[in-house]
Amino acid sequence: MAFVQSAQPRPELTPFVRAYAQRTVSPTDPCWTQHVPAQLEQILNLEFGVLPGIRHRDRDVSREILVGGAQDGFAGTLYLRPRVESFAVFFWPFGWSRLFNIPVRETTNQFDDPLPLHGADIRRVWNRMGEETSFEKRVALIEAFLIKRLTAAAGTNKLHVAIAYILQRKGNVSISKLGIPALLNLRQLERMFRTEVGMSPKSFARVARFQTALDARLANPAATWLEIAHHVGYYDQMHMIHDFERLGRNTPTQVLLQMGDVRPPALVRSEHTLEL
């Protein structure tokens, strides 16, 4: 099966980037598929080998360079084949947008070519990364590229404060009280999420809790799903199962099996370790 390497970013980039990952499929591996459930990260995907098949919702989006954002439902399917070599940068939900001064909504429920938005700079760094074979050197190249964006990065605003609060609370928030950390009333909060994120705060929080449950189980494979449900704040196990059916199109166990290595180890942080 695929060989996956992952790493977390250097300190200067941690407000924007969650992790880097590289998947390498050997020439002798069979073809297989992986399902991509709902998720919140903005992701830059760079291909250096045989192109995998990437089906985003109802269309084929396979390209050498892709950028996507938060997905409030089942995102699509990866068709992996021999000699695929994929590198991904997992940004926080507003990380890519802040670095490149692009509204979050431009990537929400999208997975597309970033060149029309960001010009040829990404193509140049993709070329340089393709000349290297080691994961570590590719990480160094993409970090040098991203660090150059820091001086022009957008500052935080009330929306970022609200999003950070949702993530800190693992999606287990009262929407009626969500505006308090950002000093927004409920109507302002709803409008800001709709116009700037492209989904409601309730949908965003639902995906945050679902994603936290997945990561908690990956970090704690011996934990039961009931323990996971309690850890992330579901009312009960059936409440969690309904969210998995809505956002991953299957039961919790099957979603985990079908997604494979879609969420690499560097995304599963120590904060998800349970006291069992």
Protein backbone atom coordinates (compact mmCIF):
# COMPACT_ATOMS: atom_id res chain seq x y z
CA MET A 1 0.00 0.00 0.00
CA ALA A 2 0.98 3.67 -0.07
CA PHE A 3 3.90 4.98 1.97
CA VAL A 4 2.88 8.14 3.85
CA GLN A 5 5.18 10.71 5.44
CA SER A 6 3.94 13.72 7.37
CA ALA A 7 5.30 16.61 9.41
CA GLN A 8 4.12 19.69 11.25
CA PRO A 9 5.22 23.20 10.22
CA ARG A 10 7.94 25.41 11.63
CA PRO A 11 6.77 27.83 14.36
CA GLU A 12 6.38 30.90 12.12
CA LEU A 13 3.82 29.06 9.99
CA THR A 14 1.77 27.36 12.71
CA PRO A 15 -0.96 30.07 12.70
CA PHE A 16 -1.58 29.17 9.05
CA VAL A 17 -0.45 25.57 8.42
CA ARG A 18 -1.47 22.41 10.28
CA ALA A 19 0.64 19.77 8.52
CA TYR A 20 2.43 18.53 5.42
CA ALA A 21 2.05 15.04 4.00
CA GLN A 22 3.36 12.99 1.10
CA ARG A 23 1.86 9.78 -0.26
CA THR A 24 3.99 7.52 -2.51
CA VAL A 25 2.45 4.51 -4.25
CA SER A 26 4.94 1.90 -5.44
CA PRO A 27 4.94 0.54 -9.03
CA THR A 28 3.78 -2.88 -7.77
CA ASP A 29 0.80 -1.71 -5.72
CA PRO A 30 -2.74 -2.36 -6.96
CA CYS A 31 -5.28 0.36 -7.69
CA TRP A 32 -7.72 1.24 -4.92
CA THR A 33 -10.10 3.99 -3.84
CA GLN A 34 -10.37 6.21 -0.79
CA HIS A 35 -13.38 8.28 0.23
CA VAL A 36 -12.96 11.86 1.40
CA PRO A 37 -15.58 12.86 4.00
CA ALA A 38 -16.45 16.39 5.11
CA GLN A 39 -13.45 18.37 6.40
CA LEU A 40 -12.47 21.92 7.33
CA GLU A 41 -8.86 22.43 6.26
CA GLN A 42 -7.88 24.40 3.20
CA ILE A 43 -5.59 22.05 1.25
CA LEU A 44 -2.95 22.63 -1.43
CA ASN A 45 -2.38 19.39 -3.36
CA LEU A 46 0.70 18.92 -5.59
CA GLU A 47 1.19 15.89 -7.84
CA PHE A 48 4.67 14.71 -8.92
CA GLY A 49 3.99 11.26 -10.34
CA VAL A 50 1.12 9.56 -12.12
CA LEU A 51 -2.03 11.59 -11.61
CA PRO A 52 -4.54 9.96 -9.26
CA GLY A 53 -8.19 10.11 -10.18
CA ILE A 54 -9.88 12.79 -8.07
CA ARG A 55 -13.64 12.97 -8.14
CA HIS A 56 -14.95 16.02 -6.29
CA ARG A 57 -18.68 15.67 -5.80
CA ASP A 58 -20.00 15.30 -9.36
CA ARG A 59 -16.93 16.07 -11.48
CA ASP A 60 -13.39 14.91 -12.25
CA VAL A 61 -10.84 17.48 -11.01
CA SER A 62 -7.57 15.56 -11.51
CA ARG A 63 -4.74 18.10 -12.03
CA GLU A 64 -1.09 18.57 -11.08
CA ILE A 65 -1.95 21.43 -8.70
CA LEU A 66 -5.21 21.82 -6.80
CA VAL A 67 -6.46 23.89 -3.89
CA GLY A 68 -9.62 23.19 -1.93
CA GLY A 69 -11.35 24.44 1.16
CA ALA A 70 -13.81 23.36 3.81
CA GLN A 71 -16.36 20.80 2.66
CA ASP A 72 -19.72 20.74 4.47
CA GLY A 73 -20.63 17.31 3.09
CA PHE A 74 -19.08 14.22 1.52
CA ALA A 75 -16.22 15.66 -0.58
CA GLY A 76 -15.49 12.90 -3.09
CA THR A 77 -13.30 9.95 -4.01
CA LEU A 78 -9.60 9.36 -4.69
CA TYR A 79 -8.64 6.70 -7.22
CA LEU A 80 -5.06 5.71 -6.38
CA ARG A 81 -2.81 3.81 -8.78
CA PRO A 82 0.85 2.74 -9.06
CA ARG A 83 3.47 5.53 -9.19
CA VAL A 84 1.22 8.20 -7.67
CA GLU A 85 3.31 10.71 -5.70
CA SER A 86 1.17 13.32 -3.94
CA PHE A 87 2.25 16.14 -1.63
CA ALA A 88 -0.30 18.10 0.40
CA VAL A 89 -0.25 21.17 2.62
CA PHE A 90 -3.05 21.16 5.19
CA PHE A 91 -3.88 24.74 6.21
CA TRP A 92 -6.13 25.85 9.04
CA PRO A 93 -9.64 26.72 7.74
CA PHE A 94 -8.57 30.33 7.09
CA GLY A 95 -4.78 29.73 6.74
CA TRP A 96 -4.53 29.76 2.96
CA SER A 97 -6.95 32.68 2.75
CA ARG A 98 -4.94 34.82 5.16
CA LEU A 99 -1.61 34.10 3.45
CA PHE A 100 -2.94 34.84 -0.03
CA ASN A 101 -5.63 37.42 0.84
CA ILE A 102 -8.37 35.33 -0.74
CA PRO A 103 -11.85 35.16 0.88
CA VAL A 104 -12.50 31.84 2.62
CA ARG A 105 -15.68 31.37 0.55
CA GLU A 106 -13.59 31.18 -2.66
CA THR A 107 -12.40 27.71 -1.62
CA THR A 108 -15.41 26.43 0.36
CA ASN A 109 -16.87 23.30 -1.25
CA GLN A 110 -14.36 23.74 -4.08
CA PHE A 111 -11.33 21.79 -5.25
CA ASP A 112 -9.82 23.50 -8.24
CA ASP A 113 -6.83 24.96 -10.08
CA PRO A 114 -5.28 27.75 -7.95
CA LEU A 115 -3.40 29.45 -10.78
CA PRO A 116 -6.25 31.83 -11.79
CA LEU A 117 -6.32 33.09 -8.18
CA HIS A 118 -2.61 33.12 -7.39
CA GLY A 119 -0.70 33.40 -10.66
CA ALA A 120 2.42 31.50 -11.65
CA ASP A 121 4.24 31.48 -8.28
CA ILE A 122 2.71 28.15 -7.30
CA ARG A 123 3.66 26.63 -10.66
CA ARG A 124 7.28 27.70 -10.08
CA VAL A 125 7.49 26.15 -6.62
CA TRP A 126 5.82 22.99 -7.97
CA ASN A 127 8.58 22.75 -10.62
CA ARG A 128 11.30 23.16 -8.01
CA MET A 129 9.73 20.58 -5.70
CA GLY A 130 9.47 18.15 -8.61
CA GLU A 131 13.26 18.29 -9.01
CA GLU A 132 13.66 16.92 -5.47
CA THR A 133 12.81 13.41 -4.33
CA SER A 134 12.99 13.67 -0.55
CA PHE A 135 10.00 14.67 1.56
CA GLU A 136 12.17 16.85 3.81
CA LYS A 137 13.54 18.90 0.90
CA ARG A 138 10.08 19.38 -0.52
CA VAL A 139 8.84 20.59 2.87
CA ALA A 140 11.75 23.07 3.01
CA LEU A 141 10.87 24.42 -0.46
CA ILE A 142 7.16 24.87 0.24
CA GLU A 143 7.92 26.49 3.60
CA ALA A 144 10.32 28.97 1.98
CA PHE A 145 7.54 29.81 -0.48
CA LEU A 146 4.95 30.28 2.28
CA ILE A 147 7.24 32.27 4.57
CA LYS A 148 7.62 34.89 1.83
CA ARG A 149 3.87 35.47 2.16
CA LEU A 150 3.98 36.25 5.89
CA THR A 151 4.67 39.97 5.55
CA ALA A 152 1.64 40.40 3.28
CA ALA A 153 -0.66 38.04 5.20
CA ALA A 154 -4.02 39.40 6.33
CA GLY A 155 -4.47 39.96 10.04
CA THR A 156 -7.08 38.22 12.15
CA ASN A 157 -10.63 39.54 12.30
CA LYS A 158 -13.86 38.76 14.16
CA LEU A 159 -14.63 35.85 11.84
CA HIS A 160 -11.23 34.26 12.55
CA VAL A 161 -11.86 34.64 16.29
CA ALA A 162 -15.22 32.84 15.97
CA ILE A 163 -13.69 30.05 13.84
CA ALA A 164 -10.79 29.60 16.26
CA TYR A 165 -13.28 29.33 19.14
CA ILE A 166 -15.25 26.61 17.32
CA LEU A 167 -12.05 24.64 16.68
CA GLN A 168 -10.83 25.09 20.24
CA ARG A 169 -14.18 23.74 21.49
CA LYS A 170 -14.00 20.86 18.98
CA GLY A 171 -17.30 21.96 17.44
CA ASN A 172 -19.14 21.50 20.73
CA VAL A 173 -20.51 25.04 20.95
CA SER A 174 -23.80 26.83 21.47
CA ILE A 175 -24.43 28.84 18.31
CA SER A 176 -26.46 31.38 20.30
CA LYS A 177 -23.34 32.12 22.40
CA LEU A 178 -20.77 31.74 19.62
CA GLY A 179 -20.62 35.44 18.82
CA ILE A 180 -19.55 36.42 22.34
CA PRO A 181 -15.77 35.75 21.92
CA ALA A 182 -15.81 37.84 18.72
CA LEU A 183 -18.27 40.45 20.11
CA LEU A 184 -20.90 39.70 17.47
CA ASN A 185 -24.63 39.24 17.84
CA LEU A 186 -26.23 36.12 16.38
CA ARG A 187 -27.54 37.84 13.25
CA GLN A 188 -24.13 39.36 12.49
CA LEU A 189 -22.46 35.99 13.05
CA GLU A 190 -24.85 34.14 10.74
CA ARG A 191 -24.44 36.77 8.02
CA MET A 192 -20.65 36.80 8.31
CA PHE A 193 -20.39 33.01 8.02
CA ARG A 194 -22.76 32.90 5.05
CA THR A 195 -21.04 35.69 3.13
CA GLU A 196 -17.39 35.11 4.10
CA VAL A 197 -17.17 31.34 4.74
CA GLY A 198 -19.90 30.04 2.49
CA MET A 199 -21.66 27.93 5.12
CA SER A 200 -23.58 28.53 8.32
CA PRO A 201 -21.82 28.53 11.73
CA LYS A 202 -23.96 25.51 12.67
CA SER A 203 -22.70 23.54 9.66
CA PHE A 204 -19.12 24.58 10.37
CA ALA A 205 -19.40 23.45 14.01
CA ARG A 206 -20.99 20.14 12.96
CA VAL A 207 -18.08 19.35 10.64
CA ALA A 208 -15.59 20.40 13.34
CA ARG A 209 -17.06 17.90 15.81
CA PHE A 210 -17.27 15.14 13.18
CA GLN A 211 -13.64 15.72 12.18
CA THR A 212 -12.53 15.79 15.82
CA ALA A 213 -14.23 12.43 16.36
CA LEU A 214 -12.33 10.95 13.41
CA ASP A 215 -9.01 12.32 14.65
CA ALA A 216 -9.67 11.17 18.22
CA ARG A 217 -10.31 7.62 17.02
CA LEU A 218 -7.17 7.67 14.86
CA ALA A 219 -5.17 8.83 17.90
CA ASN A 220 -6.86 6.26 20.17
CA PRO A 221 -7.55 3.09 18.15
CA ALA A 222 -8.38 1.14 21.32
CA ALA A 223 -11.17 3.56 22.28
CA THR A 224 -14.78 2.60 21.65
CA TRP A 225 -16.99 4.81 19.53
CA LEU A 226 -19.12 5.45 22.63
CA GLU A 227 -16.04 6.84 24.40
CA ILE A 228 -15.25 8.96 21.35
CA ALA A 229 -18.84 10.28 21.27
CA HIS A 230 -18.61 11.38 24.92
CA HIS A 231 -15.14 12.89 24.40
CA VAL A 232 -16.24 15.23 21.61
CA GLY A 233 -19.58 16.20 23.14
CA TYR A 234 -22.23 14.24 21.24
CA TYR A 235 -25.46 13.70 23.15
CA ASP A 236 -25.11 9.95 22.65
CA GLN A 237 -23.68 7.45 20.18
CA MET A 238 -26.70 7.63 17.85
CA HIS A 239 -26.25 11.40 17.53
CA MET A 240 -22.69 10.76 16.37
CA ILE A 241 -23.80 8.00 13.96
CA HIS A 242 -26.30 10.38 12.30
CA ASP A 243 -23.52 12.93 11.73
CA PHE A 244 -21.27 10.26 10.22
CA GLU A 245 -24.03 9.17 7.85
CA ARG A 246 -24.62 12.80 6.81
CA LEU A 247 -20.97 13.87 6.49
CA GLY A 248 -19.23 10.60 5.59
CA ARG A 249 -22.06 8.56 4.03
CA ASN A 250 -21.48 5.55 6.28
CA THR A 251 -21.13 4.23 9.81
CA PRO A 252 -18.18 5.49 11.89
CA THR A 253 -16.19 2.27 11.44
CA GLN A 254 -16.78 2.17 7.68
CA VAL A 255 -15.95 5.86 7.22
CA LEU A 256 -12.62 5.25 8.95
CA LEU A 257 -11.87 2.23 6.75
CA GLN A 258 -12.91 3.91 3.50
CA MET A 259 -10.90 7.10 4.05
CA GLY A 260 -7.61 5.23 4.56
CA ASP A 261 -4.72 7.69 4.96
CA VAL A 262 -6.70 10.79 3.94
CA ARG A 263 -5.92 12.28 7.38
CA PRO A 264 -2.16 11.69 7.89
CA PRO A 265 -0.51 11.27 11.31
CA ALA A 266 0.71 14.87 11.65
CA LEU A 267 -2.93 16.03 11.65
CA VAL A 268 -3.76 13.80 14.61
CA ARG A 269 -2.36 15.80 17.47
CA SER A 270 -1.65 14.85 21.08
CA GLU A 271 -4.66 16.94 22.17
CA HIS A 272 -6.83 14.04 21.01
CA THR A 273 -5.27 11.55 23.45
CA LEU A 274 -8.00 10.25 25.75
CA GLU A 275 -7.73 9.35 29.40
CA LEU A 276 -9.29 5.86 29.23
